[in-house]
Amino acid sequence: MDATSNCINLCGIILMILRFKESWWLWLINNIIDLIIWIITVINGGDGSVMMLLVSIGYLLINIYGVIKWSIEAKKNKGE
């Protein structure tokens, strides 16, 4: 899962550089995978995993905000 997450993240970065909206969706998938990884690690009692779980939740919230913001801006620009 970690390797998949890294590959998706790299694709998301490339799409963001090219200014594609889909980068936000890839990062959303990536953040969900990271969240699953850290939930599993917390359940198994990994050291420092609770803090990383909180960081993953924060990244997920930022990503959801980015998807919403990008969609609103795209609709505004389409109407102009």
PDB file of N, CA and C in Angstrom:
ATOM      1  N   MET A   1       0.820  -1.195   0.000  1.00  0.00           N
ATOM      2  CA  MET A   1       0.000   0.000   0.000  1.00  0.00           C
ATOM      3  C   MET A   1       0.866   1.261   0.000  1.00  0.00           C
ATOM      4  N   ASP A   2       1.995   1.175   0.686  1.00  0.00           N
ATOM      5  CA  ASP A   2       2.866   2.344   0.770  1.00  0.00           C
ATOM      6  C   ASP A   2       3.458   2.688  -0.600  1.00  0.00           C
ATOM      7  N   ALA A   3       3.866   1.671  -1.349  1.00  0.00           N
ATOM      8  CA  ALA A   3       4.414   1.914  -2.684  1.00  0.00           C
ATOM      9  C   ALA A   3       3.346   2.494  -3.613  1.00  0.00           C
ATOM     10  N   THR A   4       2.126   1.988  -3.506  1.00  0.00           N
ATOM     11  CA  THR A   4       1.020   2.513  -4.303  1.00  0.00           C
ATOM     12  C   THR A   4       0.771   3.976  -3.964  1.00  0.00           C
ATOM     13  N   SER A   5       0.811   4.277  -2.686  1.00  0.00           N
ATOM     14  CA  SER A   5       0.612   5.650  -2.230  1.00  0.00           C
ATOM     15  C   SER A   5       1.681   6.575  -2.803  1.00  0.00           C
ATOM     16  N   ASN A   6       2.919   6.126  -2.805  1.00  0.00           N
ATOM     17  CA  ASN A   6       4.006   6.954  -3.348  1.00  0.00           C
ATOM     18  C   ASN A   6       3.862   7.186  -4.848  1.00  0.00           C
ATOM     19  N   CYS A   7       3.469   6.152  -5.575  1.00  0.00           N
ATOM     20  CA  CYS A   7       3.276   6.305  -7.032  1.00  0.00           C
ATOM     21  C   CYS A   7       2.125   7.260  -7.345  1.00  0.00           C
ATOM     22  N   ILE A   8       1.033   7.130  -6.612  1.00  0.00           N
ATOM     23  CA  ILE A   8      -0.111   8.026  -6.815  1.00  0.00           C
ATOM     24  C   ILE A   8       0.280   9.461  -6.481  1.00  0.00           C
ATOM     25  N   ASN A   9       1.050   9.635  -5.413  1.00  0.00           N
ATOM     26  CA  ASN A   9       1.504  10.967  -5.020  1.00  0.00           C
ATOM     27  C   ASN A   9       2.366  11.596  -6.104  1.00  0.00           C
ATOM     28  N   LEU A  10       3.272  10.826  -6.683  1.00  0.00           N
ATOM     29  CA  LEU A  10       4.126  11.338  -7.762  1.00  0.00           C
ATOM     30  C   LEU A  10       3.291  11.750  -8.970  1.00  0.00           C
ATOM     31  N   CYS A  11       2.314  10.930  -9.335  1.00  0.00           N
ATOM     32  CA  CYS A  11       1.426  11.288 -10.452  1.00  0.00           C
ATOM     33  C   CYS A  11       0.638  12.558 -10.128  1.00  0.00           C
ATOM     34  N   GLY A  12       0.209  12.694  -8.876  1.00  0.00           N
ATOM     35  CA  GLY A  12      -0.511  13.891  -8.457  1.00  0.00           C
ATOM     36  C   GLY A  12       0.350  15.141  -8.570  1.00  0.00           C
ATOM     37  N   ILE A  13       1.623  15.022  -8.216  1.00  0.00           N
ATOM     38  CA  ILE A  13       2.537  16.161  -8.323  1.00  0.00           C
ATOM     39  C   ILE A  13       2.716  16.570  -9.780  1.00  0.00           C
ATOM     40  N   ILE A  14       2.895  15.589 -10.651  1.00  0.00           N
ATOM     41  CA  ILE A  14       3.059  15.890 -12.078  1.00  0.00           C
ATOM     42  C   ILE A  14       1.810  16.576 -12.624  1.00  0.00           C
ATOM     43  N   LEU A  15       0.634  16.065 -12.275  1.00  0.00           N
ATOM     44  CA  LEU A  15      -0.605  16.686 -12.747  1.00  0.00           C
ATOM     45  C   LEU A  15      -0.791  18.081 -12.173  1.00  0.00           C
ATOM     46  N   MET A  16      -0.343  18.303 -10.934  1.00  0.00           N
ATOM     47  CA  MET A  16      -0.459  19.638 -10.332  1.00  0.00           C
ATOM     48  C   MET A  16       0.454  20.626 -11.062  1.00  0.00           C
ATOM     49  N   ILE A  17       1.645  20.186 -11.416  1.00  0.00           N
ATOM     50  CA  ILE A  17       2.552  21.051 -12.174  1.00  0.00           C
ATOM     51  C   ILE A  17       1.917  21.445 -13.501  1.00  0.00           C
ATOM     52  N   LEU A  18       1.213  20.497 -14.115  1.00  0.00           N
ATOM     53  CA  LEU A  18       0.543  20.759 -15.393  1.00  0.00           C
ATOM     54  C   LEU A  18      -0.810  21.448 -15.205  1.00  0.00           C
ATOM     55  N   ARG A  19      -1.181  21.718 -13.952  1.00  0.00           N
ATOM     56  CA  ARG A  19      -2.403  22.424 -13.569  1.00  0.00           C
ATOM     57  C   ARG A  19      -3.683  21.678 -13.970  1.00  0.00           C
ATOM     58  N   PHE A  20      -3.690  20.387 -13.724  1.00  0.00           N
ATOM     59  CA  PHE A  20      -4.875  19.574 -13.968  1.00  0.00           C
ATOM     60  C   PHE A  20      -5.664  19.413 -12.674  1.00  0.00           C
ATOM     61  N   LYS A  21      -6.979  19.513 -12.786  1.00  0.00           N
ATOM     62  CA  LYS A  21      -7.859  19.349 -11.632  1.00  0.00           C
ATOM     63  C   LYS A  21      -7.756  17.939 -11.057  1.00  0.00           C
ATOM     64  N   GLU A  22      -7.474  16.985 -11.902  1.00  0.00           N
ATOM     65  CA  GLU A  22      -7.425  15.590 -11.473  1.00  0.00           C
ATOM     66  C   GLU A  22      -6.351  15.329 -10.425  1.00  0.00           C
ATOM     67  N   SER A  23      -5.368  16.220 -10.320  1.00  0.00           N
ATOM     68  CA  SER A  23      -4.338  16.036  -9.299  1.00  0.00           C
ATOM     69  C   SER A  23      -4.954  16.018  -7.909  1.00  0.00           C
ATOM     70  N   TRP A  24      -5.979  16.835  -7.695  1.00  0.00           N
ATOM     71  CA  TRP A  24      -6.628  16.862  -6.383  1.00  0.00           C
ATOM     72  C   TRP A  24      -7.301  15.534  -6.087  1.00  0.00           C
ATOM     73  N   TRP A  25      -7.882  14.917  -7.111  1.00  0.00           N
ATOM     74  CA  TRP A  25      -8.544  13.634  -6.906  1.00  0.00           C
ATOM     75  C   TRP A  25      -7.518  12.532  -6.624  1.00  0.00           C
ATOM     76  N   LEU A  26      -6.376  12.586  -7.309  1.00  0.00           N
ATOM     77  CA  LEU A  26      -5.324  11.597  -7.028  1.00  0.00           C
ATOM     78  C   LEU A  26      -4.805  11.758  -5.611  1.00  0.00           C
ATOM     79  N   TRP A  27      -4.620  13.000  -5.191  1.00  0.00           N
ATOM     80  CA  TRP A  27      -4.157  13.225  -3.821  1.00  0.00           C
ATOM     81  C   TRP A  27      -5.202  12.796  -2.802  1.00  0.00           C
ATOM     82  N   LEU A  28      -6.466  12.912  -3.138  1.00  0.00           N
ATOM     83  CA  LEU A  28      -7.529  12.448  -2.253  1.00  0.00           C
ATOM     84  C   LEU A  28      -7.419  10.931  -2.073  1.00  0.00           C
ATOM     85  N   ILE A  29      -7.234  10.217  -3.169  1.00  0.00           N
ATOM     86  CA  ILE A  29      -7.047   8.764  -3.098  1.00  0.00           C
ATOM     87  C   ILE A  29      -5.799   8.441  -2.295  1.00  0.00           C
ATOM     88  N   ASN A  30      -4.721   9.182  -2.551  1.00  0.00           N
ATOM     89  CA  ASN A  30      -3.471   8.974  -1.836  1.00  0.00           C
ATOM     90  C   ASN A  30      -3.655   9.196  -0.333  1.00  0.00           C
ATOM     91  N   ASN A  31      -4.370  10.254   0.038  1.00  0.00           N
ATOM     92  CA  ASN A  31      -4.582  10.536   1.456  1.00  0.00           C
ATOM     93  C   ASN A  31      -5.441   9.471   2.124  1.00  0.00           C
ATOM     94  N   ILE A  32      -6.398   8.936   1.414  1.00  0.00           N
ATOM     95  CA  ILE A  32      -7.224   7.861   1.964  1.00  0.00           C
ATOM     96  C   ILE A  32      -6.374   6.608   2.189  1.00  0.00           C
ATOM     97  N   ILE A  33      -5.502   6.284   1.236  1.00  0.00           N
ATOM     98  CA  ILE A  33      -4.602   5.137   1.400  1.00  0.00           C
ATOM     99  C   ILE A  33      -3.675   5.362   2.592  1.00  0.00           C
ATOM    100  N   ASP A  34      -3.099   6.564   2.713  1.00  0.00           N
ATOM    101  CA  ASP A  34      -2.240   6.879   3.858  1.00  0.00           C
ATOM    102  C   ASP A  34      -3.000   6.743   5.171  1.00  0.00           C
ATOM    103  N   LEU A  35      -4.237   7.208   5.181  1.00  0.00           N
ATOM    104  CA  LEU A  35      -5.059   7.114   6.384  1.00  0.00           C
ATOM    105  C   LEU A  35      -5.273   5.653   6.775  1.00  0.00           C
ATOM    106  N   ILE A  36      -5.541   4.808   5.796  1.00  0.00           N
ATOM    107  CA  ILE A  36      -5.714   3.374   6.060  1.00  0.00           C
ATOM    108  C   ILE A  36      -4.424   2.776   6.615  1.00  0.00           C
ATOM    109  N   ILE A  37      -3.290   3.145   6.012  1.00  0.00           N
ATOM    110  CA  ILE A  37      -1.998   2.636   6.488  1.00  0.00           C
ATOM    111  C   ILE A  37      -1.787   3.006   7.953  1.00  0.00           C
ATOM    112  N   TRP A  38      -2.058   4.274   8.301  1.00  0.00           N
ATOM    113  CA  TRP A  38      -1.802   4.707   9.678  1.00  0.00           C
ATOM    114  C   TRP A  38      -2.835   4.167  10.658  1.00  0.00           C
ATOM    115  N   ILE A  39      -4.056   3.923  10.217  1.00  0.00           N
ATOM    116  CA  ILE A  39      -5.042   3.282  11.094  1.00  0.00           C
ATOM    117  C   ILE A  39      -4.582   1.869  11.431  1.00  0.00           C
ATOM    118  N   ILE A  40      -4.113   1.139  10.427  1.00  0.00           N
ATOM    119  CA  ILE A  40      -3.607  -0.213  10.654  1.00  0.00           C
ATOM    120  C   ILE A  40      -2.409  -0.179  11.601  1.00  0.00           C
ATOM    121  N   THR A  41      -1.526   0.801  11.413  1.00  0.00           N
ATOM    122  CA  THR A  41      -0.345   0.914  12.271  1.00  0.00           C
ATOM    123  C   THR A  41      -0.739   1.248  13.711  1.00  0.00           C
ATOM    124  N   VAL A  42      -1.726   2.129  13.898  1.00  0.00           N
ATOM    125  CA  VAL A  42      -2.196   2.459  15.251  1.00  0.00           C
ATOM    126  C   VAL A  42      -2.803   1.226  15.913  1.00  0.00           C
ATOM    127  N   ILE A  43      -3.603   0.476  15.164  1.00  0.00           N
ATOM    128  CA  ILE A  43      -4.226  -0.737  15.712  1.00  0.00           C
ATOM    129  C   ILE A  43      -3.161  -1.745  16.153  1.00  0.00           C
ATOM    130  N   ASN A  44      -2.074  -1.826  15.378  1.00  0.00           N
ATOM    131  CA  ASN A  44      -0.993  -2.756  15.714  1.00  0.00           C
ATOM    132  C   ASN A  44      -0.028  -2.197  16.750  1.00  0.00           C
ATOM    133  N   GLY A  45      -0.272  -0.977  17.234  1.00  0.00           N
ATOM    134  CA  GLY A  45       0.528  -0.414  18.318  1.00  0.00           C
ATOM    135  C   GLY A  45       1.873   0.152  17.907  1.00  0.00           C
ATOM    136  N   GLY A  46       1.972   0.694  16.706  1.00  0.00           N
ATOM    137  CA  GLY A  46       3.234   1.277  16.242  1.00  0.00           C
ATOM    138  C   GLY A  46       3.589   2.544  17.008  1.00  0.00           C
ATOM    139  N   ASP A  47       4.889   2.735  17.255  1.00  0.00           N
ATOM    140  CA  ASP A  47       5.353   3.926  17.970  1.00  0.00           C
ATOM    141  C   ASP A  47       5.181   5.167  17.099  1.00  0.00           C
ATOM    142  N   GLY A  48       4.631   6.220  17.669  1.00  0.00           N
ATOM    143  CA  GLY A  48       4.461   7.479  16.964  1.00  0.00           C
ATOM    144  C   GLY A  48       3.383   7.462  15.899  1.00  0.00           C
ATOM    145  N   SER A  49       2.649   6.380  15.821  1.00  0.00           N
ATOM    146  CA  SER A  49       1.663   6.254  14.753  1.00  0.00           C
ATOM    147  C   SER A  49       0.425   7.123  14.987  1.00  0.00           C
ATOM    148  N   VAL A  50       0.129   7.430  16.236  1.00  0.00           N
ATOM    149  CA  VAL A  50      -1.040   8.272  16.512  1.00  0.00           C
ATOM    150  C   VAL A  50      -0.821   9.668  15.929  1.00  0.00           C
ATOM    151  N   MET A  51       0.377  10.205  16.114  1.00  0.00           N
ATOM    152  CA  MET A  51       0.677  11.530  15.567  1.00  0.00           C
ATOM    153  C   MET A  51       0.596  11.516  14.034  1.00  0.00           C
ATOM    154  N   MET A  52       1.118  10.484  13.405  1.00  0.00           N
ATOM    155  CA  MET A  52       1.050  10.394  11.947  1.00  0.00           C
ATOM    156  C   MET A  52      -0.389  10.210  11.464  1.00  0.00           C
ATOM    157  N   LEU A  53      -1.206   9.530  12.256  1.00  0.00           N
ATOM    158  CA  LEU A  53      -2.622   9.399  11.921  1.00  0.00           C
ATOM    159  C   LEU A  53      -3.283  10.772  11.937  1.00  0.00           C
ATOM    160  N   LEU A  54      -2.970  11.578  12.933  1.00  0.00           N
ATOM    161  CA  LEU A  54      -3.523  12.938  13.000  1.00  0.00           C
ATOM    162  C   LEU A  54      -3.042  13.797  11.838  1.00  0.00           C
ATOM    163  N   VAL A  55      -1.780  13.643  11.458  1.00  0.00           N
ATOM    164  CA  VAL A  55      -1.244  14.378  10.304  1.00  0.00           C
ATOM    165  C   VAL A  55      -1.971  13.942   9.031  1.00  0.00           C
ATOM    166  N   SER A  56      -2.199  12.643   8.881  1.00  0.00           N
ATOM    167  CA  SER A  56      -2.918  12.140   7.701  1.00  0.00           C
ATOM    168  C   SER A  56      -4.338  12.677   7.644  1.00  0.00           C
ATOM    169  N   ILE A  57      -4.999  12.777   8.794  1.00  0.00           N
ATOM    170  CA  ILE A  57      -6.344  13.355   8.837  1.00  0.00           C
ATOM    171  C   ILE A  57      -6.291  14.818   8.423  1.00  0.00           C
ATOM    172  N   GLY A  58      -5.280  15.536   8.898  1.00  0.00           N
ATOM    173  CA  GLY A  58      -5.111  16.944   8.506  1.00  0.00           C
ATOM    174  C   GLY A  58      -4.903  17.093   7.011  1.00  0.00           C
ATOM    175  N   TYR A  59      -4.041  16.253   6.435  1.00  0.00           N
ATOM    176  CA  TYR A  59      -3.815  16.297   4.982  1.00  0.00           C
ATOM    177  C   TYR A  59      -5.096  15.995   4.218  1.00  0.00           C
ATOM    178  N   LEU A  60      -5.884  15.044   4.722  1.00  0.00           N
ATOM    179  CA  LEU A  60      -7.141  14.700   4.061  1.00  0.00           C
ATOM    180  C   LEU A  60      -8.105  15.884   4.075  1.00  0.00           C
ATOM    181  N   LEU A  61      -8.186  16.579   5.205  1.00  0.00           N
ATOM    182  CA  LEU A  61      -9.063  17.742   5.291  1.00  0.00           C
ATOM    183  C   LEU A  61      -8.600  18.862   4.358  1.00  0.00           C
ATOM    184  N   ILE A  62      -7.295  19.090   4.293  1.00  0.00           N
ATOM    185  CA  ILE A  62      -6.750  20.092   3.371  1.00  0.00           C
ATOM    186  C   ILE A  62      -7.074  19.704   1.932  1.00  0.00           C
ATOM    187  N   ASN A  63      -6.949  18.426   1.628  1.00  0.00           N
ATOM    188  CA  ASN A  63      -7.220  17.958   0.276  1.00  0.00           C
ATOM    189  C   ASN A  63      -8.685  18.113  -0.097  1.00  0.00           C
ATOM    190  N   ILE A  64      -9.578  17.822   0.824  1.00  0.00           N
ATOM    191  CA  ILE A  64     -11.015  18.001   0.563  1.00  0.00           C
ATOM    192  C   ILE A  64     -11.305  19.480   0.303  1.00  0.00           C
ATOM    193  N   TYR A  65     -10.703  20.355   1.099  1.00  0.00           N
ATOM    194  CA  TYR A  65     -10.858  21.796   0.882  1.00  0.00           C
ATOM    195  C   TYR A  65     -10.338  22.191  -0.505  1.00  0.00           C
ATOM    196  N   GLY A  66      -9.190  21.630  -0.915  1.00  0.00           N
ATOM    197  CA  GLY A  66      -8.621  21.933  -2.226  1.00  0.00           C
ATOM    198  C   GLY A  66      -9.527  21.508  -3.368  1.00  0.00           C
ATOM    199  N   VAL A  67     -10.134  20.326  -3.240  1.00  0.00           N
ATOM    200  CA  VAL A  67     -11.053  19.844  -4.276  1.00  0.00           C
ATOM    201  C   VAL A  67     -12.247  20.792  -4.395  1.00  0.00           C
ATOM    202  N   ILE A  68     -12.798  21.173  -3.260  1.00  0.00           N
ATOM    203  CA  ILE A  68     -13.960  22.071  -3.273  1.00  0.00           C
ATOM    204  C   ILE A  68     -13.580  23.429  -3.845  1.00  0.00           C
ATOM    205  N   LYS A  69     -12.479  23.989  -3.371  1.00  0.00           N
ATOM    206  CA  LYS A  69     -12.030  25.312  -3.829  1.00  0.00           C
ATOM    207  C   LYS A  69     -11.741  25.300  -5.335  1.00  0.00           C
ATOM    208  N   TRP A  70     -11.048  24.280  -5.823  1.00  0.00           N
ATOM    209  CA  TRP A  70     -10.721  24.183  -7.244  1.00  0.00           C
ATOM    210  C   TRP A  70     -12.001  24.099  -8.075  1.00  0.00           C
ATOM    211  N   SER A  71     -12.971  23.319  -7.605  1.00  0.00           N
ATOM    212  CA  SER A  71     -14.230  23.178  -8.345  1.00  0.00           C
ATOM    213  C   SER A  71     -14.975  24.506  -8.426  1.00  0.00           C
ATOM    214  N   ILE A  72     -15.004  25.248  -7.319  1.00  0.00           N
ATOM    215  CA  ILE A  72     -15.680  26.547  -7.304  1.00  0.00           C
ATOM    216  C   ILE A  72     -14.988  27.518  -8.250  1.00  0.00           C
ATOM    217  N   GLU A  73     -13.665  27.560  -8.198  1.00  0.00           N
ATOM    218  CA  GLU A  73     -12.908  28.474  -9.082  1.00  0.00           C
ATOM    219  C   GLU A  73     -13.074  28.096 -10.547  1.00  0.00           C
ATOM    220  N   ALA A  74     -13.112  26.779 -10.832  1.00  0.00           N
ATOM    221  CA  ALA A  74     -13.291  26.340 -12.216  1.00  0.00           C
ATOM    222  C   ALA A  74     -14.670  26.755 -12.747  1.00  0.00           C
ATOM    223  N   LYS A  75     -15.686  26.665 -11.912  1.00  0.00           N
ATOM    224  CA  LYS A  75     -17.025  27.080 -12.337  1.00  0.00           C
ATOM    225  C   LYS A  75     -17.075  28.581 -12.581  1.00  0.00           C
ATOM    226  N   LYS A  76     -16.392  29.368 -11.729  1.00  0.00           N
ATOM    227  CA  LYS A  76     -16.343  30.821 -11.906  1.00  0.00           C
ATOM    228  C   LYS A  76     -15.656  31.162 -13.220  1.00  0.00           C
ATOM    229  N   ASN A  77     -14.533  30.537 -13.492  1.00  0.00           N
ATOM    230  CA  ASN A  77     -13.764  30.830 -14.699  1.00  0.00           C
ATOM    231  C   ASN A  77     -14.488  30.384 -15.964  1.00  0.00           C
ATOM    232  N   LYS A  78     -15.265  29.333 -15.851  1.00  0.00           N
ATOM    233  CA  LYS A  78     -16.024  28.846 -17.006  1.00  0.00           C
ATOM    234  C   LYS A  78     -17.133  29.810 -17.362  1.00  0.00           C
ATOM    235  N   GLY A  79     -17.699  30.469 -16.343  1.00  0.00           N
ATOM    236  CA  GLY A  79     -18.793  31.400 -16.562  1.00  0.00           C
ATOM    237  C   GLY A  79     -18.345  32.745 -17.114  1.00  0.00           C
ATOM    238  N   GLU A  80     -17.063  33.062 -16.997  1.00  0.00           N
ATOM    239  CA  GLU A  80     -16.579  34.376 -17.454  1.00  0.00           C
ATOM    240  C   GLU A  80     -16.383  34.447 -18.926  1.00  0.00           C
TER     241      GLU A  80
END
